[in-house]
Structures are given as C-alpha cells and as structure tokens.
C-alpha cells in the first residue's frame, strides 16, 4: 500500500501544526494512503554531531531515537512536513531532524550511492510543507522553505510546495480560521493524486 509520513514538528501538543497534520492524515486515508504521523517531541534524539562517520557508509552512527525514523523517511512515497516558524525559521526539533539526514547527503555526494535505489519509487516521491507563523511579514516562510527544499533533495524526493499560514500563533487558532480545511483538502488531493 502507498505510504505517507506526516512529520509533526511542534514542541507543543495539540498546537496548530498538529491540527494540520491530523487533518492531512484524514485526507491521505481518503486517497488510499497508509498514514503515519510522527510527533518529533515524542522522540529523544540529538542534533548532528558532525562526527563524519556517515562518510564511510552512508549511515548515521549516533544511536538514539532518530534511528527508527530513517526507514520511515525513505520508505514513504509522500511526506508532509508540518512545522511552526520560530524566529523566521524552522525550530530546533525539525532542524535537528533535517541535520541528522547528513548521512543521506554523505551517501549521495561522498559515496555516489542512491538513497532511494528504486528509480520508479523515487520518481513517485514528494514532499509537501505546512507552515504556520505568527507574523505576516513577506519573508516569514522563506528560510524554512529553503531548508525543506534542501531536505527534500537530500532524501531524494521532489519538493511539491506547500501551504503557509501567517498570523497563526495562539494554540489551536488554526481551527478557527475559515476555509483552512478546504484549502488543505484541495491542495493535498492534488498532491496525492499527482501522477509521475
């Protein structure tokens, strides 16, 4: 069965990106995807320690709760990355996860290996971003989106854009915004149904 991984990266339980992740799971299931949400706050993992060990074999050698996330990242056809904006960028949790995919960068660029060996599967892969920020400045989402584009490239998936919600800060306030579910449904139906 087709798999979608939803990465909910807020440190706050039942926050706005949690809502977006849960709604996304419902839409994914309606599109016949096996769905898993991982809440990064529930995992204990460090940031990348720049040990360089992954340059030898393309695997991370830091033994913590990031290890079980690697096969989820590479085994999912679609990835939805839901994150709040802190100080005009991704917060510590999602950035730590992205940095820990240095092993995939090493596999690809140092060892000249494919992260996703199955070419047909690789072509189907896509990443969609869901971001919430307290401000409505024109550059609120630029830094986070840039990091997610590089992350997508590193894990050999195509960045398919996203939905960005400014002026969302108070816990649960996304649920009070009109048309958010409609926007999400329209965008994700297109994301899930897109053919290679």
Protein backbone atom coordinates (compact mmCIF):
# COMPACT_ATOMS: atom_id res chain seq x y z
CA UNK A 1 0.00 0.00 0.00
CA UNK A 2 1.15 3.57 -0.67
CA UNK A 3 2.55 5.25 2.42
CA UNK A 4 2.51 8.83 3.59
CA UNK A 5 4.62 10.04 6.51
CA UNK A 6 3.44 13.14 8.34
CA UNK A 7 6.17 14.83 10.36
CA UNK A 8 4.55 16.99 13.04
CA UNK A 9 7.37 19.06 14.43
CA UNK A 10 5.89 21.40 17.00
CA UNK A 11 7.11 21.03 20.59
CA UNK A 12 3.57 21.99 21.66
CA UNK A 13 0.97 19.23 21.90
CA UNK A 14 -2.31 19.98 20.12
CA UNK A 15 -0.84 23.06 18.51
CA UNK A 16 -1.68 24.42 15.10
CA UNK A 17 0.61 22.19 13.07
CA UNK A 18 -0.71 19.19 14.99
CA UNK A 19 -4.16 20.09 13.69
CA UNK A 20 -2.81 20.40 10.15
CA UNK A 21 -1.07 17.05 10.47
CA UNK A 22 -4.17 15.29 11.75
CA UNK A 23 -6.37 16.78 9.03
CA UNK A 24 -3.74 15.76 6.47
CA UNK A 25 -3.87 12.19 7.75
CA UNK A 26 -7.62 12.09 7.17
CA UNK A 27 -7.19 13.38 3.60
CA UNK A 28 -4.38 10.90 2.93
CA UNK A 29 -6.53 7.99 4.07
CA UNK A 30 -9.34 9.16 1.79
CA UNK A 31 -6.78 8.93 -1.04
CA UNK A 32 -5.95 5.32 -0.08
CA UNK A 33 -2.64 6.01 1.64
CA UNK A 34 -1.40 4.14 4.67
CA UNK A 35 -0.71 7.01 7.03
CA UNK A 36 1.63 7.56 9.95
CA UNK A 37 2.13 10.70 11.99
CA UNK A 38 5.32 11.10 13.96
CA UNK A 39 5.43 13.81 16.61
CA UNK A 40 9.05 14.83 16.94
CA UNK A 41 8.52 15.97 20.52
CA UNK A 42 7.94 12.31 21.47
CA UNK A 43 11.40 11.24 20.26
CA UNK A 44 14.67 11.78 22.10
CA UNK A 45 17.39 12.47 19.56
CA UNK A 46 20.35 14.77 19.31
CA UNK A 47 21.30 17.14 16.58
CA UNK A 48 24.03 16.06 14.17
CA UNK A 49 27.38 15.89 15.98
CA UNK A 50 29.42 16.20 12.76
CA UNK A 51 31.41 13.07 13.56
CA UNK A 52 31.87 12.25 9.88
CA UNK A 53 31.25 8.52 10.36
CA UNK A 54 28.47 8.57 7.76
CA UNK A 55 31.07 9.45 5.12
CA UNK A 56 32.27 5.84 5.35
CA UNK A 57 28.99 4.00 4.83
CA UNK A 58 26.11 6.49 4.41
CA UNK A 59 24.59 5.56 7.77
CA UNK A 60 24.19 7.61 10.93
CA UNK A 61 26.25 6.25 13.82
CA UNK A 62 24.54 8.23 16.59
CA UNK A 63 22.44 5.63 18.40
CA UNK A 64 19.30 7.33 19.63
CA UNK A 65 15.61 7.56 18.75
CA UNK A 66 16.32 9.06 15.35
CA UNK A 67 17.34 5.61 14.09
CA UNK A 68 13.78 4.24 13.64
CA UNK A 69 12.80 7.37 11.72
CA UNK A 70 15.22 6.72 8.85
CA UNK A 71 13.27 3.83 7.26
CA UNK A 72 10.06 5.83 7.64
CA UNK A 73 11.61 8.71 5.70
CA UNK A 74 12.97 6.54 2.90
CA UNK A 75 10.03 4.14 2.78
CA UNK A 76 7.28 6.71 2.31
CA UNK A 77 6.03 7.72 -1.10
CA UNK A 78 4.76 11.05 0.22
CA UNK A 79 5.95 13.18 3.12
CA UNK A 80 4.05 16.03 4.73
CA UNK A 81 6.19 18.28 6.88
CA UNK A 82 4.16 20.37 9.36
CA UNK A 83 6.12 22.97 11.30
CA UNK A 84 5.73 26.23 13.19
CA UNK A 85 8.03 29.15 12.44
CA UNK A 86 10.32 30.31 15.24
CA UNK A 87 12.41 33.45 14.71
CA UNK A 88 11.64 33.38 10.96
CA UNK A 89 12.95 29.82 10.53
CA UNK A 90 12.33 26.20 11.47
CA UNK A 91 12.59 25.46 15.17
CA UNK A 92 15.10 23.20 16.90
CA UNK A 93 13.18 19.91 16.53
CA UNK A 94 12.61 19.93 12.77
CA UNK A 95 16.03 21.40 12.11
CA UNK A 96 17.67 18.66 14.19
CA UNK A 97 15.85 16.01 12.17
CA UNK A 98 16.92 17.61 8.90
CA UNK A 99 20.53 17.89 10.08
CA UNK A 100 20.52 14.21 11.02
CA UNK A 101 19.88 13.32 7.38
CA UNK A 102 23.51 14.28 6.75
CA UNK A 103 24.03 10.53 6.33
CA UNK A 104 21.90 10.66 3.15
CA UNK A 105 23.90 13.62 1.89
CA UNK A 106 27.08 11.58 2.50
CA UNK A 107 25.63 8.56 0.72
CA UNK A 108 24.70 10.62 -2.30
CA UNK A 109 27.58 13.08 -2.61
CA UNK A 110 30.51 11.33 -0.91
CA UNK A 111 29.83 7.67 -1.72
CA UNK A 112 27.94 8.25 -5.00
CA UNK A 113 25.12 5.96 -3.91
CA UNK A 114 21.39 6.35 -4.33
CA UNK A 115 19.43 6.96 -1.15
CA UNK A 116 16.37 5.52 -2.91
CA UNK A 117 17.70 2.76 -5.22
CA UNK A 118 14.31 2.01 -6.81
CA UNK A 119 14.02 4.56 -9.60
CA UNK A 120 10.27 4.11 -10.12
CA UNK A 121 9.62 4.64 -6.41
CA UNK A 122 11.97 7.62 -6.32
CA UNK A 123 10.02 9.31 -9.12
CA UNK A 124 6.77 8.98 -7.14
CA UNK A 125 8.15 10.59 -4.01
CA UNK A 126 7.05 14.05 -2.99
CA UNK A 127 7.25 16.39 0.00
CA UNK A 128 4.59 18.97 0.89
CA UNK A 129 5.13 21.67 3.54
CA UNK A 130 2.58 23.01 6.03
CA UNK A 131 3.92 26.02 7.92
CA UNK A 132 2.39 28.38 10.47
CA UNK A 133 3.90 31.68 11.54
CA UNK A 134 2.84 34.37 13.98
CA UNK A 135 3.80 37.26 11.70
CA UNK A 136 2.59 38.26 8.26
CA UNK A 137 5.91 39.62 7.01
CA UNK A 138 6.70 38.96 3.36
CA UNK A 139 9.71 36.78 4.24
CA UNK A 140 8.20 34.83 7.15
CA UNK A 141 8.43 31.44 5.43
CA UNK A 142 11.44 31.90 3.13
CA UNK A 143 14.14 30.39 5.37
CA UNK A 144 12.03 27.41 6.41
CA UNK A 145 11.03 26.66 2.83
CA UNK A 146 14.65 26.80 1.70
CA UNK A 147 15.64 24.25 4.36
CA UNK A 148 12.78 21.96 3.33
CA UNK A 149 13.78 22.17 -0.33
CA UNK A 150 17.32 21.08 0.54
CA UNK A 151 15.97 18.37 2.84
CA UNK A 152 13.76 17.05 0.03
CA UNK A 153 16.69 16.93 -2.36
CA UNK A 154 18.86 15.16 0.21
CA UNK A 155 16.31 12.40 0.79
CA UNK A 156 15.70 12.12 -2.97
CA UNK A 157 12.16 13.37 -3.10
CA UNK A 158 10.62 16.24 -5.03
CA UNK A 159 9.60 19.37 -3.16
CA UNK A 160 5.98 19.94 -4.21
CA UNK A 161 5.36 23.28 -2.48
CA UNK A 162 3.09 23.83 0.47
CA UNK A 163 0.55 25.90 2.30
CA UNK A 164 1.78 28.70 4.55
CA UNK A 165 -0.43 30.29 7.19
CA UNK A 166 0.62 33.71 8.58
CA UNK A 167 -0.78 35.30 11.74
CA UNK A 168 -1.25 31.92 13.43
CA UNK A 169 0.20 31.78 16.92
CA UNK A 170 -2.26 31.07 19.73
CA UNK A 171 -2.67 27.37 20.41
CA UNK A 172 -5.43 25.89 18.25
CA UNK A 173 -6.21 29.14 16.43
CA UNK A 174 -5.83 27.44 13.02
CA UNK A 175 -9.10 25.62 13.72
CA UNK A 176 -10.92 28.96 13.88
CA UNK A 177 -9.69 30.19 10.51
CA UNK A 178 -12.28 29.95 7.74
CA UNK A 179 -11.52 27.87 4.66
CA UNK A 180 -8.31 26.27 6.01
CA UNK A 181 -9.69 22.74 5.73
CA UNK A 182 -10.95 23.48 2.23
CA UNK A 183 -7.54 24.83 1.16
CA UNK A 184 -5.84 21.81 2.69
CA UNK A 185 -8.19 19.33 1.08
CA UNK A 186 -7.80 20.87 -2.37
CA UNK A 187 -4.01 21.11 -2.17
CA UNK A 188 -3.45 17.64 -0.72
CA UNK A 189 -5.85 15.91 -3.09
CA UNK A 190 -3.74 17.31 -5.92
CA UNK A 191 -0.55 16.27 -4.13
CA UNK A 192 -1.71 12.70 -3.51
CA UNK A 193 -3.25 12.22 -6.93
CA UNK A 194 -0.38 13.67 -8.96
CA UNK A 195 0.97 11.14 -11.43
CA UNK A 196 4.65 10.77 -12.34
